[in-house]
C-alpha cells in the first residue's frame, strides 16, 4: 500500500483515458472516436489517495474517511488525504509524467476509476 492512486495500465480499474503506461504514452481513444495525447506536463502518473464511496461529485452523504477496499482483505478502512473540517477533501497532489507535482483542488477533480470505491484526481 503506497497511499497513492497510480495511472498505470492494469492498475485498479483506471478508466482507459487516464492511463499513462510509459515515458512515451499512447494517445487516448476518446469516447467520440478522436485521439488525444496531452503532453508530459498534463499526464498524471500518480495522485494522492482521494477516494469515496460515491460515483458522483456531490459531497452530500458521501463518505471520504471510511472506505473499504483492498487493504486488509477489505476489512480495514481507507481515508482520503487532505480533508477539510467536516470530512470533505480539500484536494490532492498529482504527480505528472514530466516529474512535477501540482496541487489540484477537489472541485477540479474527477473520478478516474470504474466501480467502487471511486478514486479522484
PDB file of N, CA and C in Angstrom:
ATOM      1  N   UNK A   1       0.849  -1.173   0.000  1.00  0.00           N
ATOM      2  CA  UNK A   1       0.000   0.000   0.000  1.00  0.00           C
ATOM      3  C   UNK A   1       0.892   1.233   0.000  1.00  0.00           C
ATOM      4  N   UNK A   2       0.721   2.118  -0.981  1.00  0.00           N
ATOM      5  CA  UNK A   2       1.564   3.306  -1.056  1.00  0.00           C
ATOM      6  C   UNK A   2       0.822   4.592  -0.712  1.00  0.00           C
ATOM      7  N   UNK A   3      -0.497   4.556  -0.596  1.00  0.00           N
ATOM      8  CA  UNK A   3      -1.244   5.758  -0.260  1.00  0.00           C
ATOM      9  C   UNK A   3      -1.526   6.655  -1.445  1.00  0.00           C
ATOM     10  N   UNK A   4      -1.226   6.173  -2.642  1.00  0.00           N
ATOM     11  CA  UNK A   4      -1.470   6.930  -3.865  1.00  0.00           C
ATOM     12  C   UNK A   4      -2.251   6.068  -4.841  1.00  0.00           C
ATOM     13  N   UNK A   5      -2.974   6.719  -5.725  1.00  0.00           N
ATOM     14  CA  UNK A   5      -3.578   6.027  -6.860  1.00  0.00           C
ATOM     15  C   UNK A   5      -2.605   6.184  -8.019  1.00  0.00           C
ATOM     16  N   UNK A   6      -2.343   5.114  -8.753  1.00  0.00           N
ATOM     17  CA  UNK A   6      -1.427   5.193  -9.886  1.00  0.00           C
ATOM     18  C   UNK A   6      -2.197   5.014 -11.190  1.00  0.00           C
ATOM     19  N   UNK A   7      -1.687   5.636 -12.236  1.00  0.00           N
ATOM     20  CA  UNK A   7      -2.371   5.650 -13.523  1.00  0.00           C
ATOM     21  C   UNK A   7      -1.706   4.719 -14.524  1.00  0.00           C
ATOM     22  N   UNK A   8      -1.193   3.591 -14.050  1.00  0.00           N
ATOM     23  CA  UNK A   8      -0.514   2.651 -14.921  1.00  0.00           C
ATOM     24  C   UNK A   8      -1.494   1.623 -15.461  1.00  0.00           C
ATOM     25  N   UNK A   9      -1.201   1.110 -16.641  1.00  0.00           N
ATOM     26  CA  UNK A   9      -2.020   0.063 -17.237  1.00  0.00           C
ATOM     27  C   UNK A   9      -2.102  -1.130 -16.285  1.00  0.00           C
ATOM     28  N   UNK A  10      -3.304  -1.635 -16.072  1.00  0.00           N
ATOM     29  CA  UNK A  10      -3.509  -2.770 -15.188  1.00  0.00           C
ATOM     30  C   UNK A  10      -3.694  -2.395 -13.723  1.00  0.00           C
ATOM     31  N   UNK A  11      -3.718  -1.101 -13.420  1.00  0.00           N
ATOM     32  CA  UNK A  11      -3.878  -0.652 -12.030  1.00  0.00           C
ATOM     33  C   UNK A  11      -5.344  -0.383 -11.718  1.00  0.00           C
ATOM     34  N   UNK A  12      -5.838  -1.005 -10.704  1.00  0.00           N
ATOM     35  CA  UNK A  12      -7.111  -0.756 -10.059  1.00  0.00           C
ATOM     36  C   UNK A  12      -8.224  -0.042 -10.790  1.00  0.00           C
ATOM     37  N   UNK A  13      -8.711  -0.583 -11.858  1.00  0.00           N
ATOM     38  CA  UNK A  13      -9.930  -0.105 -12.529  1.00  0.00           C
ATOM     39  C   UNK A  13      -9.800   1.290 -13.136  1.00  0.00           C
ATOM     40  N   UNK A  14      -8.604   1.708 -13.505  1.00  0.00           N
ATOM     41  CA  UNK A  14      -8.394   3.028 -14.099  1.00  0.00           C
ATOM     42  C   UNK A  14      -9.119   3.106 -15.437  1.00  0.00           C
ATOM     43  N   UNK A  15      -9.874   4.181 -15.645  1.00  0.00           N
ATOM     44  CA  UNK A  15     -10.544   4.417 -16.928  1.00  0.00           C
ATOM     45  C   UNK A  15      -9.456   4.574 -17.997  1.00  0.00           C
ATOM     46  N   UNK A  16      -9.653   3.971 -19.157  1.00  0.00           N
ATOM     47  CA  UNK A  16      -8.622   3.922 -20.208  1.00  0.00           C
ATOM     48  C   UNK A  16      -8.088   5.297 -20.592  1.00  0.00           C
ATOM     49  N   UNK A  17      -8.923   6.329 -20.527  1.00  0.00           N
ATOM     50  CA  UNK A  17      -8.475   7.674 -20.894  1.00  0.00           C
ATOM     51  C   UNK A  17      -7.681   8.355 -19.792  1.00  0.00           C
ATOM     52  N   UNK A  18      -7.241   7.602 -18.803  1.00  0.00           N
ATOM     53  CA  UNK A  18      -6.404   8.145 -17.729  1.00  0.00           C
ATOM     54  C   UNK A  18      -5.119   7.357 -17.543  1.00  0.00           C
ATOM     55  N   UNK A  19      -4.870   6.390 -18.403  1.00  0.00           N
ATOM     56  CA  UNK A  19      -3.689   5.539 -18.283  1.00  0.00           C
ATOM     57  C   UNK A  19      -2.465   6.223 -18.878  1.00  0.00           C
ATOM     58  N   UNK A  20      -1.368   6.199 -18.128  1.00  0.00           N
ATOM     59  CA  UNK A  20      -0.066   6.645 -18.608  1.00  0.00           C
ATOM     60  C   UNK A  20       0.855   5.441 -18.465  1.00  0.00           C
ATOM     61  N   UNK A  21       1.083   4.734 -19.555  1.00  0.00           N
ATOM     62  CA  UNK A  21       1.745   3.428 -19.480  1.00  0.00           C
ATOM     63  C   UNK A  21       3.248   3.453 -19.714  1.00  0.00           C
ATOM     64  N   UNK A  22       3.802   4.591 -20.136  1.00  0.00           N
ATOM     65  CA  UNK A  22       5.242   4.632 -20.389  1.00  0.00           C
ATOM     66  C   UNK A  22       5.701   6.087 -20.458  1.00  0.00           C
ATOM     67  N   UNK A  23       6.992   6.277 -20.655  1.00  0.00           N
ATOM     68  CA  UNK A  23       7.526   7.629 -20.828  1.00  0.00           C
ATOM     69  C   UNK A  23       7.107   8.229 -22.168  1.00  0.00           C
ATOM     70  N   UNK A  24       6.671   7.388 -23.102  1.00  0.00           N
ATOM     71  CA  UNK A  24       6.138   7.838 -24.390  1.00  0.00           C
ATOM     72  C   UNK A  24       4.749   7.231 -24.552  1.00  0.00           C
ATOM     73  N   UNK A  25       3.771   7.728 -23.795  1.00  0.00           N
ATOM     74  CA  UNK A  25       2.456   7.080 -23.767  1.00  0.00           C
ATOM     75  C   UNK A  25       1.683   7.229 -25.064  1.00  0.00           C
ATOM     76  N   UNK A  26       0.874   6.217 -25.318  1.00  0.00           N
ATOM     77  CA  UNK A  26      -0.010   6.238 -26.482  1.00  0.00           C
ATOM     78  C   UNK A  26      -1.116   7.259 -26.282  1.00  0.00           C
ATOM     79  N   UNK A  27      -1.681   7.714 -27.381  1.00  0.00           N
ATOM     80  CA  UNK A  27      -2.824   8.636 -27.315  1.00  0.00           C
ATOM     81  C   UNK A  27      -4.019   7.901 -26.731  1.00  0.00           C
ATOM     82  N   UNK A  28      -4.871   8.645 -26.052  1.00  0.00           N
ATOM     83  CA  UNK A  28      -6.116   8.088 -25.530  1.00  0.00           C
ATOM     84  C   UNK A  28      -7.165   8.097 -26.626  1.00  0.00           C
ATOM     85  N   UNK A  29      -7.895   7.006 -26.769  1.00  0.00           N
ATOM     86  CA  UNK A  29      -9.020   6.942 -27.698  1.00  0.00           C
ATOM     87  C   UNK A  29     -10.244   7.445 -26.943  1.00  0.00           C
ATOM     88  N   UNK A  30     -10.699   8.640 -27.282  1.00  0.00           N
ATOM     89  CA  UNK A  30     -11.802   9.275 -26.570  1.00  0.00           C
ATOM     90  C   UNK A  30     -13.139   8.656 -26.987  1.00  0.00           C
ATOM     91  N   UNK A  31     -14.171   8.800 -26.149  1.00  0.00           N
ATOM     92  CA  UNK A  31     -15.484   8.209 -26.467  1.00  0.00           C
ATOM     93  C   UNK A  31     -16.054   8.643 -27.821  1.00  0.00           C
ATOM     94  N   UNK A  32     -15.694   9.841 -28.288  1.00  0.00           N
ATOM     95  CA  UNK A  32     -16.214  10.301 -29.580  1.00  0.00           C
ATOM     96  C   UNK A  32     -15.372   9.812 -30.759  1.00  0.00           C
ATOM     97  N   UNK A  33     -14.353   8.967 -30.483  1.00  0.00           N
ATOM     98  CA  UNK A  33     -13.525   8.398 -31.543  1.00  0.00           C
ATOM     99  C   UNK A  33     -12.263   9.187 -31.849  1.00  0.00           C
ATOM    100  N   UNK A  34     -12.122  10.374 -31.289  1.00  0.00           N
ATOM    101  CA  UNK A  34     -10.914  11.155 -31.533  1.00  0.00           C
ATOM    102  C   UNK A  34      -9.786  10.641 -30.642  1.00  0.00           C
ATOM    103  N   UNK A  35      -8.566  10.972 -31.020  1.00  0.00           N
ATOM    104  CA  UNK A  35      -7.395  10.623 -30.227  1.00  0.00           C
ATOM    105  C   UNK A  35      -6.885  11.875 -29.531  1.00  0.00           C
ATOM    106  N   UNK A  36      -6.502  11.735 -28.283  1.00  0.00           N
ATOM    107  CA  UNK A  36      -5.956  12.861 -27.532  1.00  0.00           C
ATOM    108  C   UNK A  36      -4.677  12.403 -26.855  1.00  0.00           C
ATOM    109  N   UNK A  37      -3.626  13.178 -27.018  1.00  0.00           N
ATOM    110  CA  UNK A  37      -2.356  12.837 -26.393  1.00  0.00           C
ATOM    111  C   UNK A  37      -1.748  14.094 -25.783  1.00  0.00           C
ATOM    112  N   UNK A  38      -2.176  14.428 -24.552  1.00  0.00           N
ATOM    113  CA  UNK A  38      -1.617  15.616 -23.910  1.00  0.00           C
ATOM    114  C   UNK A  38      -0.135  15.431 -23.631  1.00  0.00           C
ATOM    115  N   UNK A  39       0.555  16.512 -23.460  1.00  0.00           N
ATOM    116  CA  UNK A  39       1.982  16.453 -23.180  1.00  0.00           C
ATOM    117  C   UNK A  39       2.289  15.883 -21.810  1.00  0.00           C
ATOM    118  N   UNK A  40       3.578  15.649 -21.578  1.00  0.00           N
ATOM    119  CA  UNK A  40       4.031  15.051 -20.322  1.00  0.00           C
ATOM    120  C   UNK A  40       3.673  15.894 -19.103  1.00  0.00           C
ATOM    121  N   UNK A  41       3.507  17.197 -19.288  1.00  0.00           N
ATOM    122  CA  UNK A  41       3.165  18.065 -18.159  1.00  0.00           C
ATOM    123  C   UNK A  41       1.689  17.953 -17.782  1.00  0.00           C
ATOM    124  N   UNK A  42       0.902  17.227 -18.571  1.00  0.00           N
ATOM    125  CA  UNK A  42      -0.519  17.051 -18.289  1.00  0.00           C
ATOM    126  C   UNK A  42      -0.908  15.597 -18.044  1.00  0.00           C
ATOM    127  N   UNK A  43       0.035  14.669 -18.133  1.00  0.00           N
ATOM    128  CA  UNK A  43      -0.249  13.245 -17.923  1.00  0.00           C
ATOM    129  C   UNK A  43       0.047  12.863 -16.489  1.00  0.00           C
ATOM    130  N   UNK A  44      -0.979  12.467 -15.751  1.00  0.00           N
ATOM    131  CA  UNK A  44      -0.826  12.050 -14.361  1.00  0.00           C
ATOM    132  C   UNK A  44      -0.260  10.636 -14.310  1.00  0.00           C
ATOM    133  N   UNK A  45       0.717  10.424 -13.409  1.00  0.00           N
ATOM    134  CA  UNK A  45       1.208   9.061 -13.174  1.00  0.00           C
ATOM    135  C   UNK A  45       0.807   8.561 -11.782  1.00  0.00           C
ATOM    136  N   UNK A  46       0.582   9.475 -10.841  1.00  0.00           N
ATOM    137  CA  UNK A  46       0.125   9.094  -9.503  1.00  0.00           C
ATOM    138  C   UNK A  46      -0.545  10.292  -8.851  1.00  0.00           C
ATOM    139  N   UNK A  47      -1.429  10.000  -7.908  1.00  0.00           N
ATOM    140  CA  UNK A  47      -2.158  11.057  -7.209  1.00  0.00           C
ATOM    141  C   UNK A  47      -2.405  10.645  -5.771  1.00  0.00           C
ATOM    142  N   UNK A  48      -2.522  11.647  -4.895  1.00  0.00           N
ATOM    143  CA  UNK A  48      -2.890  11.366  -3.512  1.00  0.00           C
ATOM    144  C   UNK A  48      -4.132  10.492  -3.477  1.00  0.00           C
ATOM    145  N   UNK A  49      -4.244   9.692  -2.438  1.00  0.00           N
ATOM    146  CA  UNK A  49      -5.403   8.827  -2.277  1.00  0.00           C
ATOM    147  C   UNK A  49      -6.644   9.619  -1.906  1.00  0.00           C
ATOM    148  N   UNK A  50      -7.353  10.117  -2.918  1.00  0.00           N
ATOM    149  CA  UNK A  50      -8.622  10.811  -2.712  1.00  0.00           C
ATOM    150  C   UNK A  50      -9.695   9.847  -3.193  1.00  0.00           C
ATOM    151  N   UNK A  51     -10.455   9.286  -2.256  1.00  0.00           N
ATOM    152  CA  UNK A  51     -11.413   8.247  -2.615  1.00  0.00           C
ATOM    153  C   UNK A  51     -12.715   8.432  -1.857  1.00  0.00           C
ATOM    154  N   UNK A  52     -13.775   7.882  -2.438  1.00  0.00           N
ATOM    155  CA  UNK A  52     -15.102   8.000  -1.829  1.00  0.00           C
ATOM    156  C   UNK A  52     -15.929   6.760  -2.119  1.00  0.00           C
ATOM    157  N   UNK A  53     -17.064   6.711  -1.439  1.00  0.00           N
ATOM    158  CA  UNK A  53     -17.998   5.606  -1.641  1.00  0.00           C
ATOM    159  C   UNK A  53     -19.058   5.941  -2.676  1.00  0.00           C
ATOM    160  N   UNK A  54     -18.963   7.093  -3.327  1.00  0.00           N
ATOM    161  CA  UNK A  54     -19.965   7.519  -4.312  1.00  0.00           C
ATOM    162  C   UNK A  54     -19.309   7.782  -5.652  1.00  0.00           C
ATOM    163  N   UNK A  55     -20.086   7.630  -6.690  1.00  0.00           N
ATOM    164  CA  UNK A  55     -19.576   7.855  -8.051  1.00  0.00           C
ATOM    165  C   UNK A  55     -20.101   9.165  -8.621  1.00  0.00           C
ATOM    166  N   UNK A  56     -20.410  10.131  -7.769  1.00  0.00           N
ATOM    167  CA  UNK A  56     -20.790  11.453  -8.263  1.00  0.00           C
ATOM    168  C   UNK A  56     -20.038  12.513  -7.467  1.00  0.00           C
ATOM    169  N   UNK A  57     -20.081  13.743  -7.945  1.00  0.00           N
ATOM    170  CA  UNK A  57     -19.293  14.816  -7.357  1.00  0.00           C
ATOM    171  C   UNK A  57     -20.028  15.523  -6.222  1.00  0.00           C
ATOM    172  N   UNK A  58     -21.195  15.058  -5.859  1.00  0.00           N
ATOM    173  CA  UNK A  58     -21.964  15.666  -4.785  1.00  0.00           C
ATOM    174  C   UNK A  58     -21.452  15.146  -3.450  1.00  0.00           C
ATOM    175  N   UNK A  59     -20.833  16.011  -2.628  1.00  0.00           N
ATOM    176  CA  UNK A  59     -20.283  15.524  -1.373  1.00  0.00           C
ATOM    177  C   UNK A  59     -21.349  15.221  -0.314  1.00  0.00           C
ATOM    178  N   UNK A  60     -22.593  15.659  -0.524  1.00  0.00           N
ATOM    179  CA  UNK A  60     -23.640  15.399   0.460  1.00  0.00           C
ATOM    180  C   UNK A  60     -23.885  13.908   0.588  1.00  0.00           C
ATOM    181  N   UNK A  61     -23.661  13.375   1.766  1.00  0.00           N
ATOM    182  CA  UNK A  61     -23.858  11.958   2.011  1.00  0.00           C
ATOM    183  C   UNK A  61     -22.706  11.074   1.593  1.00  0.00           C
ATOM    184  N   UNK A  62     -21.673  11.665   0.999  1.00  0.00           N
ATOM    185  CA  UNK A  62     -20.519  10.875   0.578  1.00  0.00           C
ATOM    186  C   UNK A  62     -19.616  10.594   1.772  1.00  0.00           C
ATOM    187  N   UNK A  63     -18.932   9.482   1.708  1.00  0.00           N
ATOM    188  CA  UNK A  63     -18.005   9.071   2.749  1.00  0.00           C
ATOM    189  C   UNK A  63     -16.598   9.126   2.159  1.00  0.00           C
ATOM    190  N   UNK A  64     -15.730   9.930   2.746  1.00  0.00           N
ATOM    191  CA  UNK A  64     -14.348  10.049   2.301  1.00  0.00           C
ATOM    192  C   UNK A  64     -13.368   9.533   3.340  1.00  0.00           C
ATOM    193  N   UNK A  65     -13.873   9.019   4.486  1.00  0.00           N
ATOM    194  CA  UNK A  65     -12.983   8.664   5.584  1.00  0.00           C
ATOM    195  C   UNK A  65     -13.000   7.192   5.981  1.00  0.00           C
ATOM    196  N   UNK A  66     -13.994   6.462   5.647  1.00  0.00           N
ATOM    197  CA  UNK A  66     -14.047   5.038   5.996  1.00  0.00           C
ATOM    198  C   UNK A  66     -14.456   4.241   4.764  1.00  0.00           C
ATOM    199  N   UNK A  67     -13.514   4.134   3.839  1.00  0.00           N
ATOM    200  CA  UNK A  67     -13.757   3.459   2.570  1.00  0.00           C
ATOM    201  C   UNK A  67     -13.079   2.098   2.623  1.00  0.00           C
ATOM    202  N   UNK A  68     -13.862   1.062   2.433  1.00  0.00           N
ATOM    203  CA  UNK A  68     -13.317  -0.298   2.470  1.00  0.00           C
ATOM    204  C   UNK A  68     -12.929  -0.728   1.066  1.00  0.00           C
ATOM    205  N   UNK A  69     -11.723  -1.265   0.952  1.00  0.00           N
ATOM    206  CA  UNK A  69     -11.216  -1.694  -0.343  1.00  0.00           C
ATOM    207  C   UNK A  69     -10.257  -2.848  -0.171  1.00  0.00           C
ATOM    208  N   UNK A  70      -9.109  -2.771  -0.850  1.00  0.00           N
ATOM    209  CA  UNK A  70      -8.174  -3.876  -0.884  1.00  0.00           C
ATOM    210  C   UNK A  70      -7.341  -4.093   0.360  1.00  0.00           C
ATOM    211  N   UNK A  71      -7.133  -3.068   1.169  1.00  0.00           N
ATOM    212  CA  UNK A  71      -6.257  -3.177   2.328  1.00  0.00           C
ATOM    213  C   UNK A  71      -6.877  -4.085   3.378  1.00  0.00           C
ATOM    214  N   UNK A  72      -6.111  -5.021   3.888  1.00  0.00           N
ATOM    215  CA  UNK A  72      -6.587  -5.935   4.919  1.00  0.00           C
ATOM    216  C   UNK A  72      -7.687  -6.844   4.431  1.00  0.00           C
ATOM    217  N   UNK A  73      -7.653  -7.169   3.128  1.00  0.00           N
ATOM    218  CA  UNK A  73      -8.680  -8.045   2.563  1.00  0.00           C
ATOM    219  C   UNK A  73     -10.066  -7.417   2.586  1.00  0.00           C
ATOM    220  N   UNK A  74     -10.114  -6.086   2.551  1.00  0.00           N
ATOM    221  CA  UNK A  74     -11.394  -5.384   2.559  1.00  0.00           C
ATOM    222  C   UNK A  74     -11.970  -5.178   3.946  1.00  0.00           C
ATOM    223  N   UNK A  75     -11.172  -5.442   4.984  1.00  0.00           N
ATOM    224  CA  UNK A  75     -11.663  -5.327   6.362  1.00  0.00           C
ATOM    225  C   UNK A  75     -11.192  -4.059   7.068  1.00  0.00           C
ATOM    226  N   UNK A  76     -10.253  -3.331   6.465  1.00  0.00           N
ATOM    227  CA  UNK A  76      -9.705  -2.134   7.102  1.00  0.00           C
ATOM    228  C   UNK A  76     -10.045  -0.908   6.268  1.00  0.00           C
ATOM    229  N   UNK A  77     -10.506   0.163   6.919  1.00  0.00           N
ATOM    230  CA  UNK A  77     -10.923   1.343   6.159  1.00  0.00           C
ATOM    231  C   UNK A  77      -9.755   2.185   5.660  1.00  0.00           C
ATOM    232  N   UNK A  78      -9.943   2.756   4.483  1.00  0.00           N
ATOM    233  CA  UNK A  78      -9.033   3.746   3.915  1.00  0.00           C
ATOM    234  C   UNK A  78      -9.604   5.122   4.233  1.00  0.00           C
ATOM    235  N   UNK A  79      -8.760   6.144   4.197  1.00  0.00           N
ATOM    236  CA  UNK A  79      -9.218   7.512   4.380  1.00  0.00           C
ATOM    237  C   UNK A  79      -8.551   8.402   3.351  1.00  0.00           C
ATOM    238  N   UNK A  80      -9.297   9.375   2.869  1.00  0.00           N
ATOM    239  CA  UNK A  80      -8.776  10.356   1.931  1.00  0.00           C
ATOM    240  C   UNK A  80      -7.764  11.258   2.624  1.00  0.00           C
ATOM    241  N   UNK A  81      -6.737  11.643   1.897  1.00  0.00           N
ATOM    242  CA  UNK A  81      -5.756  12.609   2.396  1.00  0.00           C
ATOM    243  C   UNK A  81      -6.329  14.028   2.259  1.00  0.00           C
ATOM    244  N   UNK A  82      -5.795  14.962   3.022  1.00  0.00           N
ATOM    245  CA  UNK A  82      -6.096  16.392   2.887  1.00  0.00           C
ATOM    246  C   UNK A  82      -7.585  16.715   3.025  1.00  0.00           C
ATOM    247  N   UNK A  83      -8.160  16.325   4.153  1.00  0.00           N
ATOM    248  CA  UNK A  83      -9.575  16.599   4.404  1.00  0.00           C
ATOM    249  C   UNK A  83      -9.777  17.963   5.050  1.00  0.00           C
ATOM    250  N   UNK A  84     -10.822  18.662   4.605  1.00  0.00           N
ATOM    251  CA  UNK A  84     -11.272  19.873   5.278  1.00  0.00           C
ATOM    252  C   UNK A  84     -12.070  19.471   6.509  1.00  0.00           C
ATOM    253  N   UNK A  85     -12.279  20.402   7.453  1.00  0.00           N
ATOM    254  CA  UNK A  85     -13.201  20.104   8.553  1.00  0.00           C
ATOM    255  C   UNK A  85     -14.562  19.685   7.971  1.00  0.00           C
ATOM    256  N   UNK A  86     -15.162  18.700   8.554  1.00  0.00           N
ATOM    257  CA  UNK A  86     -16.412  18.180   8.033  1.00  0.00           C
ATOM    258  C   UNK A  86     -16.223  16.973   7.129  1.00  0.00           C
ATOM    259  N   UNK A  87     -14.958  16.615   6.848  1.00  0.00           N
ATOM    260  CA  UNK A  87     -14.691  15.382   6.106  1.00  0.00           C
ATOM    261  C   UNK A  87     -14.754  15.469   4.601  1.00  0.00           C
ATOM    262  N   UNK A  88     -14.777  16.670   4.023  1.00  0.00           N
ATOM    263  CA  UNK A  88     -14.775  16.830   2.562  1.00  0.00           C
ATOM    264  C   UNK A  88     -13.334  17.109   2.129  1.00  0.00           C
ATOM    265  N   UNK A  89     -12.856  16.460   1.050  1.00  0.00           N
ATOM    266  CA  UNK A  89     -11.470  16.686   0.619  1.00  0.00           C
ATOM    267  C   UNK A  89     -11.209  18.138   0.219  1.00  0.00           C
ATOM    268  N   UNK A  90     -10.032  18.625   0.582  1.00  0.00           N
ATOM    269  CA  UNK A  90      -9.578  19.936   0.126  1.00  0.00           C
ATOM    270  C   UNK A  90      -9.041  19.828  -1.296  1.00  0.00           C
ATOM    271  N   UNK A  91      -8.461  18.682  -1.607  1.00  0.00           N
ATOM    272  CA  UNK A  91      -7.829  18.443  -2.899  1.00  0.00           C
ATOM    273  C   UNK A  91      -6.719  17.436  -2.714  1.00  0.00           C
ATOM    274  N   UNK A  92      -5.804  17.398  -3.666  1.00  0.00           N
ATOM    275  CA  UNK A  92      -4.702  16.456  -3.559  1.00  0.00           C
ATOM    276  C   UNK A  92      -3.576  16.794  -4.507  1.00  0.00           C
ATOM    277  N   UNK A  93      -2.431  16.204  -4.258  1.00  0.00           N
ATOM    278  CA  UNK A  93      -1.268  16.366  -5.123  1.00  0.00           C
ATOM    279  C   UNK A  93      -1.325  15.350  -6.247  1.00  0.00           C
ATOM    280  N   UNK A  94      -0.964  15.784  -7.444  1.00  0.00           N
ATOM    281  CA  UNK A  94      -0.860  14.878  -8.589  1.00  0.00           C
ATOM    282  C   UNK A  94       0.564  14.964  -9.125  1.00  0.00           C
ATOM    283  N   UNK A  95       1.135  13.805  -9.435  1.00  0.00           N
ATOM    284  CA  UNK A  95       2.491  13.712  -9.962  1.00  0.00           C
ATOM    285  C   UNK A  95       2.377  13.497 -11.464  1.00  0.00           C
ATOM    286  N   UNK A  96       3.011  14.363 -12.213  1.00  0.00           N
ATOM    287  CA  UNK A  96       2.902  14.330 -13.663  1.00  0.00           C
ATOM    288  C   UNK A  96       4.082  13.595 -14.302  1.00  0.00           C
ATOM    289  N   UNK A  97       3.885  13.148 -15.522  1.00  0.00           N
ATOM    290  CA  UNK A  97       4.895  12.382 -16.251  1.00  0.00           C
ATOM    291  C   UNK A  97       6.211  13.147 -16.391  1.00  0.00           C
ATOM    292  N   UNK A  98       6.161  14.462 -16.481  1.00  0.00           N
ATOM    293  CA  UNK A  98       7.403  15.235 -16.616  1.00  0.00           C
ATOM    294  C   UNK A  98       8.120  15.430 -15.283  1.00  0.00           C
ATOM    295  N   UNK A  99       7.557  14.890 -14.182  1.00  0.00           N
ATOM    296  CA  UNK A  99       8.216  14.923 -12.887  1.00  0.00           C
ATOM    297  C   UNK A  99       7.720  16.002 -11.944  1.00  0.00           C
ATOM    298  N   UNK A 100       6.942  16.958 -12.417  1.00  0.00           N
ATOM    299  CA  UNK A 100       6.471  17.986 -11.485  1.00  0.00           C
ATOM    300  C   UNK A 100       5.241  17.502 -10.729  1.00  0.00           C
ATOM    301  N   UNK A 101       5.001  18.126  -9.588  1.00  0.00           N
ATOM    302  CA  UNK A 101       3.855  17.822  -8.743  1.00  0.00           C
ATOM    303  C   UNK A 101       3.030  19.095  -8.635  1.00  0.00           C
ATOM    304  N   UNK A 102       1.720  18.944  -8.712  1.00  0.00           N
ATOM    305  CA  UNK A 102       0.859  20.116  -8.546  1.00  0.00           C
ATOM    306  C   UNK A 102      -0.312  19.793  -7.629  1.00  0.00           C
ATOM    307  N   UNK A 103      -0.804  20.828  -6.957  1.00  0.00           N
ATOM    308  CA  UNK A 103      -1.971  20.714  -6.098  1.00  0.00           C
ATOM    309  C   UNK A 103      -3.213  20.865  -6.969  1.00  0.00           C
ATOM    310  N   UNK A 104      -4.174  19.948  -6.802  1.00  0.00           N
ATOM    311  CA  UNK A 104      -5.438  20.034  -7.537  1.00  0.00           C
ATOM    312  C   UNK A 104      -6.569  20.151  -6.510  1.00  0.00           C
ATOM    313  N   UNK A 105      -7.297  21.290  -6.492  1.00  0.00           N
ATOM    314  CA  UNK A 105      -8.424  21.432  -5.567  1.00  0.00           C
ATOM    315  C   UNK A 105      -9.502  20.394  -5.877  1.00  0.00           C
ATOM    316  N   UNK A 106     -10.214  19.958  -4.835  1.00  0.00           N
ATOM    317  CA  UNK A 106     -11.231  18.922  -5.014  1.00  0.00           C
ATOM    318  C   UNK A 106     -12.271  19.313  -6.067  1.00  0.00           C
ATOM    319  N   UNK A 107     -12.645  20.576  -6.140  1.00  0.00           N
ATOM    320  CA  UNK A 107     -13.666  20.969  -7.123  1.00  0.00           C
ATOM    321  C   UNK A 107     -13.174  20.886  -8.558  1.00  0.00           C
ATOM    322  N   UNK A 108     -11.878  20.598  -8.758  1.00  0.00           N
ATOM    323  CA  UNK A 108     -11.315  20.397 -10.104  1.00  0.00           C
ATOM    324  C   UNK A 108     -11.001  18.928 -10.368  1.00  0.00           C
ATOM    325  N   UNK A 109     -11.306  18.057  -9.406  1.00  0.00           N
ATOM    326  CA  UNK A 109     -11.035  16.625  -9.549  1.00  0.00           C
ATOM    327  C   UNK A 109     -12.223  15.912 -10.189  1.00  0.00           C
ATOM    328  N   UNK A 110     -11.919  14.811 -10.854  1.00  0.00           N
ATOM    329  CA  UNK A 110     -12.928  13.942 -11.452  1.00  0.00           C
ATOM    330  C   UNK A 110     -12.646  12.510 -11.048  1.00  0.00           C
ATOM    331  N   UNK A 111     -13.659  11.686 -11.076  1.00  0.00           N
ATOM    332  CA  UNK A 111     -13.487  10.262 -10.802  1.00  0.00           C
ATOM    333  C   UNK A 111     -12.745   9.646 -11.975  1.00  0.00           C
ATOM    334  N   UNK A 112     -11.693   8.896 -11.687  1.00  0.00           N
ATOM    335  CA  UNK A 112     -10.829   8.320 -12.731  1.00  0.00           C
ATOM    336  C   UNK A 112     -10.872   6.799 -12.770  1.00  0.00           C
ATOM    337  N   UNK A 113     -11.801   6.188 -12.032  1.00  0.00           N
ATOM    338  CA  UNK A 113     -11.903   4.737 -11.982  1.00  0.00           C
ATOM    339  C   UNK A 113     -13.340   4.299 -12.228  1.00  0.00           C
ATOM    340  N   UNK A 114     -13.487   3.015 -12.500  1.00  0.00           N
ATOM    341  CA  UNK A 114     -14.820   2.414 -12.606  1.00  0.00           C
ATOM    342  C   UNK A 114     -15.088   1.647 -11.319  1.00  0.00           C
ATOM    343  N   UNK A 115     -16.335   1.398 -11.011  1.00  0.00           N
ATOM    344  CA  UNK A 115     -16.674   0.617  -9.830  1.00  0.00           C
ATOM    345  C   UNK A 115     -16.433   1.358  -8.539  1.00  0.00           C
ATOM    346  N   UNK A 116     -16.470   0.624  -7.446  1.00  0.00           N
ATOM    347  CA  UNK A 116     -16.320   1.233  -6.128  1.00  0.00           C
ATOM    348  C   UNK A 116     -15.113   0.621  -5.428  1.00  0.00           C
ATOM    349  N   UNK A 117     -14.424   1.403  -4.621  1.00  0.00           N
ATOM    350  CA  UNK A 117     -14.632   2.820  -4.371  1.00  0.00           C
ATOM    351  C   UNK A 117     -14.151   3.663  -5.549  1.00  0.00           C
ATOM    352  N   UNK A 118     -14.542   4.933  -5.525  1.00  0.00           N
ATOM    353  CA  UNK A 118     -14.152   5.865  -6.584  1.00  0.00           C
ATOM    354  C   UNK A 118     -12.865   6.570  -6.191  1.00  0.00           C
ATOM    355  N   UNK A 119     -11.912   6.643  -7.121  1.00  0.00           N
ATOM    356  CA  UNK A 119     -10.668   7.393  -6.926  1.00  0.00           C
ATOM    357  C   UNK A 119     -10.712   8.637  -7.797  1.00  0.00           C
ATOM    358  N   UNK A 120     -10.275   9.736  -7.225  1.00  0.00           N
ATOM    359  CA  UNK A 120     -10.349  11.058  -7.854  1.00  0.00           C
ATOM    360  C   UNK A 120      -8.949  11.625  -8.098  1.00  0.00           C
ATOM    361  N   UNK A 121      -8.786  12.369  -9.183  1.00  0.00           N
ATOM    362  CA  UNK A 121      -7.642  13.264  -9.360  1.00  0.00           C
ATOM    363  C   UNK A 121      -7.943  14.261 -10.441  1.00  0.00           C
TER     364      UNK A 121
END
